[in-house]
C-alpha atoms as a PDB file:
ATOM      1  CA  UNK A   1     -28.919  34.789 -14.551  1.00  0.00           C
ATOM      2  CA  UNK A   2     -26.024  37.605 -13.827  1.00  0.00           C
ATOM      3  CA  UNK A   3     -22.536  36.757 -12.886  1.00  0.00           C
ATOM      4  CA  UNK A   4     -23.054  38.194  -9.251  1.00  0.00           C
ATOM      5  CA  UNK A   5     -26.253  35.310  -9.036  1.00  0.00           C
ATOM      6  CA  UNK A   6     -23.776  32.946 -10.653  1.00  0.00           C
ATOM      7  CA  UNK A   7     -22.200  33.296  -7.580  1.00  0.00           C
ATOM      8  CA  UNK A   8     -24.342  33.881  -4.981  1.00  0.00           C
ATOM      9  CA  UNK A   9     -25.719  30.533  -5.845  1.00  0.00           C
ATOM     10  CA  UNK A  10     -22.567  28.877  -6.295  1.00  0.00           C
ATOM     11  CA  UNK A  11     -21.584  30.175  -2.525  1.00  0.00           C
ATOM     12  CA  UNK A  12     -24.940  28.253  -1.573  1.00  0.00           C
ATOM     13  CA  UNK A  13     -23.937  24.701  -0.833  1.00  0.00           C
ATOM     14  CA  UNK A  14     -22.382  23.519   2.509  1.00  0.00           C
ATOM     15  CA  UNK A  15     -19.794  21.024   0.101  1.00  0.00           C
ATOM     16  CA  UNK A  16     -18.675  23.797  -2.181  1.00  0.00           C
ATOM     17  CA  UNK A  17     -17.785  26.118   0.650  1.00  0.00           C
ATOM     18  CA  UNK A  18     -16.033  23.368   2.721  1.00  0.00           C
ATOM     19  CA  UNK A  19     -13.861  22.837  -0.914  1.00  0.00           C
ATOM     20  CA  UNK A  20     -13.323  26.496  -0.972  1.00  0.00           C
ATOM     21  CA  UNK A  21     -11.483  26.165   2.853  1.00  0.00           C
ATOM     22  CA  UNK A  22      -9.380  23.056   1.695  1.00  0.00           C
ATOM     23  CA  UNK A  23      -8.004  25.264  -1.736  1.00  0.00           C
ATOM     24  CA  UNK A  24      -7.683  28.372   0.304  1.00  0.00           C
ATOM     25  CA  UNK A  25      -3.925  27.928   0.437  1.00  0.00           C
ATOM     26  CA  UNK A  26      -3.142  25.249  -2.041  1.00  0.00           C
ATOM     27  CA  UNK A  27      -4.055  23.708  -5.800  1.00  0.00           C
ATOM     28  CA  UNK A  28      -5.415  20.136  -5.511  1.00  0.00           C
ATOM     29  CA  UNK A  29      -6.122  17.559  -7.898  1.00  0.00           C
ATOM     30  CA  UNK A  30      -9.719  15.768  -7.550  1.00  0.00           C
ATOM     31  CA  UNK A  31      -7.790  12.745  -6.413  1.00  0.00           C
ATOM     32  CA  UNK A  32      -6.368  14.826  -3.427  1.00  0.00           C
ATOM     33  CA  UNK A  33     -10.105  16.419  -2.549  1.00  0.00           C
ATOM     34  CA  UNK A  34     -10.887  12.944  -2.680  1.00  0.00           C
ATOM     35  CA  UNK A  35      -8.652  11.278  -0.337  1.00  0.00           C
ATOM     36  CA  UNK A  36      -8.984  14.545   2.261  1.00  0.00           C
ATOM     37  CA  UNK A  37     -12.721  14.522   2.160  1.00  0.00           C
ATOM     38  CA  UNK A  38     -13.502  10.677   1.568  1.00  0.00           C
ATOM     39  CA  UNK A  39     -16.322  12.308  -0.865  1.00  0.00           C
ATOM     40  CA  UNK A  40     -17.047  10.464  -3.972  1.00  0.00           C
ATOM     41  CA  UNK A  41     -15.030  11.786  -7.357  1.00  0.00           C
ATOM     42  CA  UNK A  42     -17.944  12.467  -9.030  1.00  0.00           C
ATOM     43  CA  UNK A  43     -19.665  15.073  -6.317  1.00  0.00           C
ATOM     44  CA  UNK A  44     -16.406  16.721  -5.886  1.00  0.00           C
ATOM     45  CA  UNK A  45     -15.923  16.991  -9.856  1.00  0.00           C
ATOM     46  CA  UNK A  46     -19.774  17.923  -9.990  1.00  0.00           C
ATOM     47  CA  UNK A  47     -19.074  20.793  -7.230  1.00  0.00           C
ATOM     48  CA  UNK A  48     -15.667  22.130  -8.826  1.00  0.00           C
ATOM     49  CA  UNK A  49     -17.710  22.541 -12.132  1.00  0.00           C
ATOM     50  CA  UNK A  50     -19.975  24.555 -10.896  1.00  0.00           C
ATOM     51  CA  UNK A  51     -17.900  26.544  -8.972  1.00  0.00           C
ATOM     52  CA  UNK A  52     -15.822  26.584 -12.588  1.00  0.00           C
ATOM     53  CA  UNK A  53     -18.816  27.864 -14.230  1.00  0.00           C
ATOM     54  CA  UNK A  54     -19.068  30.860 -11.322  1.00  0.00           C
ATOM     55  CA  UNK A  55     -15.628  31.981 -12.087  1.00  0.00           C
ATOM     56  CA  UNK A  56     -14.677  31.005  -8.742  1.00  0.00           C
ATOM     57  CA  UNK A  57     -12.010  28.382  -9.531  1.00  0.00           C
ATOM     58  CA  UNK A  58      -9.654  27.345 -12.394  1.00  0.00           C
ATOM     59  CA  UNK A  59      -8.333  24.443 -13.464  1.00  0.00           C
ATOM     60  CA  UNK A  60      -5.204  22.651 -15.130  1.00  0.00           C
ATOM     61  CA  UNK A  61      -4.663  19.347 -16.896  1.00  0.00           C
ATOM     62  CA  UNK A  62      -1.614  17.703 -16.004  1.00  0.00           C
ATOM     63  CA  UNK A  63      -1.764  14.030 -17.742  1.00  0.00           C
ATOM     64  CA  UNK A  64      -4.384  12.585 -16.448  1.00  0.00           C
ATOM     65  CA  UNK A  65      -5.109  14.783 -13.214  1.00  0.00           C
ATOM     66  CA  UNK A  66      -6.999  17.924 -13.364  1.00  0.00           C
ATOM     67  CA  UNK A  67      -5.764  20.329 -10.787  1.00  0.00           C
ATOM     68  CA  UNK A  68      -8.468  23.231  -8.885  1.00  0.00           C
ATOM     69  CA  UNK A  69      -7.007  26.166  -7.549  1.00  0.00           C
ATOM     70  CA  UNK A  70      -9.715  29.340  -6.201  1.00  0.00           C
ATOM     71  CA  UNK A  71      -9.003  32.172  -9.211  1.00  0.00           C
ATOM     72  CA  UNK A  72      -5.891  34.429  -7.745  1.00  0.00           C
ATOM     73  CA  UNK A  73      -7.185  38.220  -7.448  1.00  0.00           C
ATOM     74  CA  UNK A  74     -10.675  38.199  -8.293  1.00  0.00           C
ATOM     75  CA  UNK A  75     -12.801  41.248  -9.150  1.00  0.00           C
ATOM     76  CA  UNK A  76     -14.672  42.816  -6.486  1.00  0.00           C
ATOM     77  CA  UNK A  77     -17.262  42.000  -5.748  1.00  0.00           C
ATOM     78  CA  UNK A  78     -16.663  38.786  -6.350  1.00  0.00           C
ATOM     79  CA  UNK A  79     -13.231  38.912  -3.792  1.00  0.00           C
ATOM     80  CA  UNK A  80     -15.061  39.698  -0.840  1.00  0.00           C
ATOM     81  CA  UNK A  81     -18.060  36.994  -1.311  1.00  0.00           C
ATOM     82  CA  UNK A  82     -15.065  34.317  -1.839  1.00  0.00           C
ATOM     83  CA  UNK A  83     -13.475  35.761   1.616  1.00  0.00           C
ATOM     84  CA  UNK A  84     -16.447  35.547   3.386  1.00  0.00           C
ATOM     85  CA  UNK A  85     -17.071  32.173   1.617  1.00  0.00           C
ATOM     86  CA  UNK A  86     -13.408  31.159   2.925  1.00  0.00           C
ATOM     87  CA  UNK A  87     -14.248  32.502   6.350  1.00  0.00           C
ATOM     88  CA  UNK A  88     -17.425  30.365   6.892  1.00  0.00           C
ATOM     89  CA  UNK A  89     -15.663  27.182   6.249  1.00  0.00           C
ATOM     90  CA  UNK A  90     -13.171  27.617   8.859  1.00  0.00           C
ATOM     91  CA  UNK A  91     -16.032  27.260  11.299  1.00  0.00           C
ATOM     92  CA  UNK A  92     -17.706  24.165   9.874  1.00  0.00           C
ATOM     93  CA  UNK A  93     -17.146  20.979  11.743  1.00  0.00           C
ATOM     94  CA  UNK A  94     -15.295  19.296   8.935  1.00  0.00           C
ATOM     95  CA  UNK A  95     -12.440  22.101   8.711  1.00  0.00           C
ATOM     96  CA  UNK A  96     -10.289  21.250  11.577  1.00  0.00           C
ATOM     97  CA  UNK A  97     -10.138  17.292  10.007  1.00  0.00           C
ATOM     98  CA  UNK A  98      -9.618  18.574   6.512  1.00  0.00           C
ATOM     99  CA  UNK A  99      -6.824  20.636   7.288  1.00  0.00           C
ATOM    100  CA  UNK A 100      -4.947  17.728   8.887  1.00  0.00           C
ATOM    101  CA  UNK A 101      -5.899  15.679   6.240  1.00  0.00           C
ATOM    102  CA  UNK A 102      -4.514  18.112   3.705  1.00  0.00           C
ATOM    103  CA  UNK A 103      -1.195  17.807   5.235  1.00  0.00           C
ATOM    104  CA  UNK A 104      -1.444  14.081   4.682  1.00  0.00           C
ATOM    105  CA  UNK A 105      -2.161  14.268   1.054  1.00  0.00           C
ATOM    106  CA  UNK A 106       0.731  17.499   0.264  1.00  0.00           C
ATOM    107  CA  UNK A 107       3.089  14.952   2.233  1.00  0.00           C
ATOM    108  CA  UNK A 108       2.199  11.728   0.248  1.00  0.00           C
ATOM    109  CA  UNK A 109       2.770  13.760  -2.970  1.00  0.00           C
ATOM    110  CA  UNK A 110       6.648  13.785  -1.841  1.00  0.00           C
ATOM    111  CA  UNK A 111       7.053  10.315  -0.717  1.00  0.00           C
ATOM    112  CA  UNK A 112       7.820   8.533  -4.256  1.00  0.00           C
ATOM    113  CA  UNK A 113       7.765   5.037  -2.608  1.00  0.00           C
ATOM    114  CA  UNK A 114       4.360   5.653  -1.271  1.00  0.00           C
ATOM    115  CA  UNK A 115       3.245   6.423  -4.911  1.00  0.00           C
ATOM    116  CA  UNK A 116       5.038   3.545  -6.485  1.00  0.00           C
ATOM    117  CA  UNK A 117       3.847   0.884  -3.428  1.00  0.00           C
ATOM    118  CA  UNK A 118       0.568   2.031  -4.517  1.00  0.00           C
ATOM    119  CA  UNK A 119       1.368   1.060  -7.973  1.00  0.00           C
ATOM    120  CA  UNK A 120       2.517  -1.538  -6.942  1.00  0.00           C
ATOM    121  CA  UNK A 121       0.212  -2.762  -4.603  1.00  0.00           C
ATOM    122  CA  UNK A 122      -2.638  -2.972  -7.309  1.00  0.00           C
ATOM    123  CA  UNK A 123      -1.041  -5.332  -9.876  1.00  0.00           C
ATOM    124  CA  UNK A 124       0.941  -7.292  -7.544  1.00  0.00           C
ATOM    125  CA  UNK A 125      -1.788 -10.413  -7.844  1.00  0.00           C
ATOM    126  CA  UNK A 126      -3.456  -9.106 -11.082  1.00  0.00           C
ATOM    127  CA  UNK A 127      -1.539 -11.791 -13.087  1.00  0.00           C
ATOM    128  CA  UNK A 128      -0.020 -15.518 -12.329  1.00  0.00           C
ATOM    129  CA  UNK A 129       3.787 -15.236 -11.238  1.00  0.00           C
ATOM    130  CA  UNK A 130       5.317 -19.005 -10.307  1.00  0.00           C
ATOM    131  CA  UNK A 131       6.013 -18.582  -6.494  1.00  0.00           C
ATOM    132  CA  UNK A 132       4.988 -15.196  -6.274  1.00  0.00           C
ATOM    133  CA  UNK A 133       2.094 -14.284  -3.172  1.00  0.00           C
ATOM    134  CA  UNK A 134       1.720 -12.000  -0.277  1.00  0.00           C
ATOM    135  CA  UNK A 135       2.224 -14.859   2.166  1.00  0.00           C
ATOM    136  CA  UNK A 136       5.869 -15.420   0.497  1.00  0.00           C
ATOM    137  CA  UNK A 137       6.498 -11.602   0.338  1.00  0.00           C
ATOM    138  CA  UNK A 138       5.699 -11.990   4.196  1.00  0.00           C
ATOM    139  CA  UNK A 139       7.913 -14.323   5.131  1.00  0.00           C
ATOM    140  CA  UNK A 140      10.550 -12.495   2.907  1.00  0.00           C
ATOM    141  CA  UNK A 141       9.974  -9.032   4.926  1.00  0.00           C
ATOM    142  CA  UNK A 142       9.666 -10.998   8.246  1.00  0.00           C
ATOM    143  CA  UNK A 143      13.776 -11.528   7.390  1.00  0.00           C
ATOM    144  CA  UNK A 144      14.677  -8.802   7.766  1.00  0.00           C
ATOM    145  CA  UNK A 145      13.212  -7.464  10.576  1.00  0.00           C
ATOM    146  CA  UNK A 146      15.548  -6.212  12.995  1.00  0.00           C
ATOM    147  CA  UNK A 147      16.070  -7.854  16.591  1.00  0.00           C
ATOM    148  CA  UNK A 148      13.821  -5.402  18.373  1.00  0.00           C
ATOM    149  CA  UNK A 149      11.676  -5.798  21.773  1.00  0.00           C
ATOM    150  CA  UNK A 150       8.096  -5.854  20.748  1.00  0.00           C
ATOM    151  CA  UNK A 151       4.786  -4.860  22.436  1.00  0.00           C
ATOM    152  CA  UNK A 152       1.473  -6.833  20.729  1.00  0.00           C
ATOM    153  CA  UNK A 153      -1.624  -5.165  22.764  1.00  0.00           C
ATOM    154  CA  UNK A 154      -4.468  -6.553  21.973  1.00  0.00           C
ATOM    155  CA  UNK A 155      -2.877  -9.213  20.860  1.00  0.00           C
ATOM    156  CA  UNK A 156      -5.549 -11.806  20.894  1.00  0.00           C
ATOM    157  CA  UNK A 157      -4.535 -15.380  20.358  1.00  0.00           C
ATOM    158  CA  UNK A 158      -0.873 -13.850  19.464  1.00  0.00           C
ATOM    159  CA  UNK A 159      -0.966 -14.935  15.343  1.00  0.00           C
ATOM    160  CA  UNK A 160       0.940 -11.907  15.217  1.00  0.00           C
ATOM    161  CA  UNK A 161       3.281 -11.768  17.858  1.00  0.00           C
ATOM    162  CA  UNK A 162       3.956 -15.708  16.999  1.00  0.00           C
ATOM    163  CA  UNK A 163       5.611 -14.630  13.750  1.00  0.00           C
ATOM    164  CA  UNK A 164       7.234 -11.455  14.759  1.00  0.00           C
ATOM    165  CA  UNK A 165       8.689 -14.228  18.111  1.00  0.00           C
ATOM    166  CA  UNK A 166      10.343 -16.091  15.024  1.00  0.00           C
ATOM    167  CA  UNK A 167      12.805 -12.819  14.508  1.00  0.00           C
ATOM    168  CA  UNK A 168      12.366 -10.427  17.403  1.00  0.00           C
ATOM    169  CA  UNK A 169      14.768 -10.392  20.321  1.00  0.00           C
ATOM    170  CA  UNK A 170      11.165 -10.463  22.730  1.00  0.00           C
ATOM    171  CA  UNK A 171       7.313 -10.171  21.825  1.00  0.00           C
ATOM    172  CA  UNK A 172       5.010  -9.014  25.178  1.00  0.00           C
ATOM    173  CA  UNK A 173       1.457  -9.855  23.765  1.00  0.00           C
ATOM    174  CA  UNK A 174      -1.115  -7.919  26.169  1.00  0.00           C
ATOM    175  CA  UNK A 175      -5.158  -9.339  25.912  1.00  0.00           C
ATOM    176  CA  UNK A 176      -7.649  -8.624  28.594  1.00  0.00           C
ATOM    177  CA  UNK A 177      -8.934 -12.259  28.273  1.00  0.00           C
ATOM    178  CA  UNK A 178      -8.099 -14.376  30.111  1.00  0.00           C
ATOM    179  CA  UNK A 179      -8.557 -17.501  27.886  1.00  0.00           C
ATOM    180  CA  UNK A 180      -6.556 -16.054  24.785  1.00  0.00           C
ATOM    181  CA  UNK A 181      -4.008 -15.483  26.781  1.00  0.00           C
ATOM    182  CA  UNK A 182      -3.474 -19.164  28.163  1.00  0.00           C
ATOM    183  CA  UNK A 183      -4.596 -20.137  24.413  1.00  0.00           C
ATOM    184  CA  UNK A 184      -1.314 -17.868  22.991  1.00  0.00           C
ATOM    185  CA  UNK A 185       0.882 -19.174  26.163  1.00  0.00           C
ATOM    186  CA  UNK A 186       0.094 -22.881  25.445  1.00  0.00           C
ATOM    187  CA  UNK A 187       0.708 -22.256  21.831  1.00  0.00           C
ATOM    188  CA  UNK A 188       4.067 -20.440  22.169  1.00  0.00           C
ATOM    189  CA  UNK A 189       5.432 -23.184  24.647  1.00  0.00           C
ATOM    190  CA  UNK A 190       4.500 -25.930  21.994  1.00  0.00           C
ATOM    191  CA  UNK A 191       6.309 -23.831  19.343  1.00  0.00           C
ATOM    192  CA  UNK A 192       9.408 -23.421  21.478  1.00  0.00           C
ATOM    193  CA  UNK A 193       8.762 -19.284  21.222  1.00  0.00           C
ATOM    194  CA  UNK A 194      10.878 -19.222  24.304  1.00  0.00           C
ATOM    195  CA  UNK A 195      10.664 -15.083  23.485  1.00  0.00           C
ATOM    196  CA  UNK A 196       7.326 -14.787  23.435  1.00  0.00           C
ATOM    197  CA  UNK A 197       5.801 -14.197  26.840  1.00  0.00           C
ATOM    198  CA  UNK A 198       1.905 -13.519  27.053  1.00  0.00           C
ATOM    199  CA  UNK A 199       0.608 -11.073  30.141  1.00  0.00           C
ATOM    200  CA  UNK A 200      -3.144 -10.476  31.133  1.00  0.00           C
ATOM    201  CA  UNK A 201      -3.968  -6.957  30.980  1.00  0.00           C
ATOM    202  CA  UNK A 202      -5.630  -3.848  29.404  1.00  0.00           C
ATOM    203  CA  UNK A 203      -4.193  -2.229  26.034  1.00  0.00           C
ATOM    204  CA  UNK A 204      -5.216   0.861  27.722  1.00  0.00           C
ATOM    205  CA  UNK A 205      -3.057   0.693  30.557  1.00  0.00           C
ATOM    206  CA  UNK A 206      -0.596  -2.324  29.762  1.00  0.00           C
ATOM    207  CA  UNK A 207       1.286  -3.837  32.199  1.00  0.00           C
ATOM    208  CA  UNK A 208       4.629  -3.271  30.553  1.00  0.00           C
ATOM    209  CA  UNK A 209       7.922  -1.167  31.665  1.00  0.00           C
ATOM    210  CA  UNK A 210       8.129   2.213  31.030  1.00  0.00           C
ATOM    211  CA  UNK A 211      10.655   3.116  28.145  1.00  0.00           C
ATOM    212  CA  UNK A 212      11.270  -0.917  27.400  1.00  0.00           C
ATOM    213  CA  UNK A 213      10.569  -1.604  24.148  1.00  0.00           C
ATOM    214  CA  UNK A 214      11.208  -0.763  20.333  1.00  0.00           C
ATOM    215  CA  UNK A 215       8.047  -1.484  18.821  1.00  0.00           C
ATOM    216  CA  UNK A 216       4.233  -1.280  19.808  1.00  0.00           C
ATOM    217  CA  UNK A 217       2.033  -2.711  17.418  1.00  0.00           C
ATOM    218  CA  UNK A 218      -2.503  -2.469  17.409  1.00  0.00           C
ATOM    219  CA  UNK A 219      -3.462  -4.681  15.142  1.00  0.00           C
ATOM    220  CA  UNK A 220      -7.140  -4.388  14.408  1.00  0.00           C
ATOM    221  CA  UNK A 221      -7.093  -3.772  18.653  1.00  0.00           C
ATOM    222  CA  UNK A 222      -7.932  -0.100  19.015  1.00  0.00           C
ATOM    223  CA  UNK A 223     -11.197  -0.314  17.946  1.00  0.00           C
ATOM    224  CA  UNK A 224     -12.076  -2.436  20.607  1.00  0.00           C
ATOM    225  CA  UNK A 225     -10.726   0.176  23.282  1.00  0.00           C
ATOM    226  CA  UNK A 226     -12.471   2.119  25.521  1.00  0.00           C
ATOM    227  CA  UNK A 227     -10.499   5.364  24.828  1.00  0.00           C
ATOM    228  CA  UNK A 228      -8.193   5.253  21.747  1.00  0.00           C
ATOM    229  CA  UNK A 229      -6.212   8.246  22.833  1.00  0.00           C
ATOM    230  CA  UNK A 230      -5.178   6.840  26.249  1.00  0.00           C
ATOM    231  CA  UNK A 231      -4.267   3.369  24.906  1.00  0.00           C
ATOM    232  CA  UNK A 232      -2.142   5.439  21.998  1.00  0.00           C
ATOM    233  CA  UNK A 233      -0.117   7.711  25.527  1.00  0.00           C
ATOM    234  CA  UNK A 234       0.095   4.193  26.527  1.00  0.00           C
ATOM    235  CA  UNK A 235       2.258   2.910  23.814  1.00  0.00           C
ATOM    236  CA  UNK A 236       3.782   6.150  24.225  1.00  0.00           C
ATOM    237  CA  UNK A 237       4.848   5.671  27.894  1.00  0.00           C
ATOM    238  CA  UNK A 238       6.492   2.181  26.745  1.00  0.00           C
ATOM    239  CA  UNK A 239       8.329   2.939  24.094  1.00  0.00           C
ATOM    240  CA  UNK A 240      12.117   3.331  24.069  1.00  0.00           C
ATOM    241  CA  UNK A 241      12.964   7.372  22.655  1.00  0.00           C
ATOM    242  CA  UNK A 242      13.245   6.479  19.165  1.00  0.00           C
ATOM    243  CA  UNK A 243      10.462   3.726  19.078  1.00  0.00           C
ATOM    244  CA  UNK A 244       8.161   3.559  16.778  1.00  0.00           C
ATOM    245  CA  UNK A 245       4.140   2.678  17.553  1.00  0.00           C
ATOM    246  CA  UNK A 246       2.476   1.135  14.492  1.00  0.00           C
ATOM    247  CA  UNK A 247      -1.506   1.048  14.267  1.00  0.00           C
ATOM    248  CA  UNK A 248      -3.436  -0.871  12.042  1.00  0.00           C
ATOM    249  CA  UNK A 249      -7.181  -0.564  12.200  1.00  0.00           C
ATOM    250  CA  UNK A 250     -10.366  -0.016  10.369  1.00  0.00           C
ATOM    251  CA  UNK A 251     -11.491   3.265   8.246  1.00  0.00           C
ATOM    252  CA  UNK A 252     -14.217   4.678  10.002  1.00  0.00           C
ATOM    253  CA  UNK A 253     -17.542   3.110   8.393  1.00  0.00           C
ATOM    254  CA  UNK A 254     -21.135   2.572   8.923  1.00  0.00           C
ATOM    255  CA  UNK A 255     -21.180  -1.306   9.787  1.00  0.00           C
ATOM    256  CA  UNK A 256     -23.159  -1.235  12.807  1.00  0.00           C
ATOM    257  CA  UNK A 257     -23.337  -4.885  13.034  1.00  0.00           C
ATOM    258  CA  UNK A 258     -19.549  -5.129  13.701  1.00  0.00           C
ATOM    259  CA  UNK A 259     -20.558  -4.167  17.860  1.00  0.00           C
ATOM    260  CA  UNK A 260     -23.016  -7.167  17.507  1.00  0.00           C
ATOM    261  CA  UNK A 261     -20.481  -9.480  15.253  1.00  0.00           C
ATOM    262  CA  UNK A 262     -16.777  -8.719  16.522  1.00  0.00           C
ATOM    263  CA  UNK A 263     -17.679  -6.792  19.950  1.00  0.00           C
ATOM    264  CA  UNK A 264     -16.089  -3.878  18.233  1.00  0.00           C
ATOM    265  CA  UNK A 265     -16.586  -0.478  20.565  1.00  0.00           C
ATOM    266  CA  UNK A 266     -15.799   1.856  17.769  1.00  0.00           C
ATOM    267  CA  UNK A 267     -16.669   1.504  13.692  1.00  0.00           C
ATOM    268  CA  UNK A 268     -13.387   2.771  12.529  1.00  0.00           C
ATOM    269  CA  UNK A 269     -11.530   5.958  12.822  1.00  0.00           C
ATOM    270  CA  UNK A 270     -10.790   8.864  10.704  1.00  0.00           C
ATOM    271  CA  UNK A 271      -7.511   9.334   9.580  1.00  0.00           C
ATOM    272  CA  UNK A 272      -7.493  13.101  11.267  1.00  0.00           C
ATOM    273  CA  UNK A 273      -8.442  11.436  14.285  1.00  0.00           C
ATOM    274  CA  UNK A 274      -5.543   8.734  14.418  1.00  0.00           C
ATOM    275  CA  UNK A 275      -3.219  11.468  13.270  1.00  0.00           C
ATOM    276  CA  UNK A 276      -3.932  13.734  15.673  1.00  0.00           C
ATOM    277  CA  UNK A 277      -3.925  11.378  19.089  1.00  0.00           C
ATOM    278  CA  UNK A 278      -0.375  10.507  17.573  1.00  0.00           C
ATOM    279  CA  UNK A 279       0.844  13.875  17.688  1.00  0.00           C
ATOM    280  CA  UNK A 280      -1.118  14.792  21.148  1.00  0.00           C
ATOM    281  CA  UNK A 281       0.443  11.410  22.914  1.00  0.00           C
ATOM    282  CA  UNK A 282       3.577  12.953  22.210  1.00  0.00           C
ATOM    283  CA  UNK A 283       5.454  11.132  19.092  1.00  0.00           C
ATOM    284  CA  UNK A 284       6.761  12.455  15.940  1.00  0.00           C
ATOM    285  CA  UNK A 285       6.824  11.862  11.811  1.00  0.00           C
ATOM    286  CA  UNK A 286       3.277  10.846  12.262  1.00  0.00           C
ATOM    287  CA  UNK A 287       2.357   9.169   8.873  1.00  0.00           C
ATOM    288  CA  UNK A 288      -1.725   7.731   8.288  1.00  0.00           C
ATOM    289  CA  UNK A 289      -1.985   6.090   4.819  1.00  0.00           C
ATOM    290  CA  UNK A 290      -4.942   4.188   3.813  1.00  0.00           C
ATOM    291  CA  UNK A 291      -3.527   0.638   2.337  1.00  0.00           C
ATOM    292  CA  UNK A 292      -6.063  -1.798   1.792  1.00  0.00           C
ATOM    293  CA  UNK A 293      -9.895  -1.810   0.433  1.00  0.00           C
ATOM    294  CA  UNK A 294     -11.948  -4.622   0.098  1.00  0.00           C
ATOM    295  CA  UNK A 295     -13.700  -5.557  -2.760  1.00  0.00           C
ATOM    296  CA  UNK A 296     -16.914  -7.234  -1.319  1.00  0.00           C
ATOM    297  CA  UNK A 297     -19.890  -5.660   1.251  1.00  0.00           C
ATOM    298  CA  UNK A 298     -19.535  -4.571   3.673  1.00  0.00           C
ATOM    299  CA  UNK A 299     -16.099  -2.918   2.012  1.00  0.00           C
ATOM    300  CA  UNK A 300     -14.366  -2.423   4.806  1.00  0.00           C
ATOM    301  CA  UNK A 301     -11.001   0.083   4.195  1.00  0.00           C
ATOM    302  CA  UNK A 302      -7.164  -0.539   6.412  1.00  0.00           C
ATOM    303  CA  UNK A 303      -5.514   2.088   7.516  1.00  0.00           C
ATOM    304  CA  UNK A 304      -2.111   2.155   8.853  1.00  0.00           C
ATOM    305  CA  UNK A 305      -1.055   4.707  11.393  1.00  0.00           C
ATOM    306  CA  UNK A 306       2.884   4.896  12.799  1.00  0.00           C
ATOM    307  CA  UNK A 307       4.502   7.498  15.478  1.00  0.00           C
ATOM    308  CA  UNK A 308       7.865   7.391  16.912  1.00  0.00           C
ATOM    309  CA  UNK A 309       9.210   8.857  20.140  1.00  0.00           C
ATOM    310  CA  UNK A 310      11.269  11.486  20.121  1.00  0.00           C
ATOM    311  CA  UNK A 311      14.727   9.930  20.902  1.00  0.00           C
END
């Protein structure tokens, strides 16, 4: 097969064109491409291998990682065909989300603390250590929480609110279930938590004054919202300048039964969507990261998204 035919064949697949759109300006590892596209490692490696055989991309090894980039200054007509493929990639539906996730992947390269945490989290419970557990670590971290005013939106019965209230200046728990609010308020009274207040309301328009809280938490609550962007805009509204919003929720998944089993409106969220919604709400220093994966079906993954209100 001639070089031109190999090139045309390599550029005939939408997945390979998508990868070219991501590699247009950056050299990336297979792991980074996985994080950006959410495709499997073997699928990405196969597509890259075919493009490498056609002379479109080249690779280099760095330790255990293999990095890929588009061959610089390819000869015509290869140059024109690759440029046309990249132009086509910009018109594909995943392009916008891929560019947001590319930005996140490049920021993560610089975040050595995140790399270290990933390594620690992976081995934390692998071997027994007397007195060492996530429960104990949680209590340790809770002790260093500063005295903040916190809003827990979509709080349910208030498990997270109750924990935070033991160290926070004040916690306002908002839920749209009257029974949940009554139960949570009763439990707070029984436990002597005078700084924990439950309010009946919608997380998309919480009954909280503008610019009145230091921290807004949406813990496994956003997927119950009718309009997640509206809920995030409301979080921005009630935050003080310099305050922070934290979202802990499920990564987008195909487990349709969650709608009936748990009352979920949304089957999780794409990282790029969370990133865009936080920025569109006016929050800065936005970070979105995958923080947990379940070992058993339906293999839910948890994503953490944060952003700060300009001070």
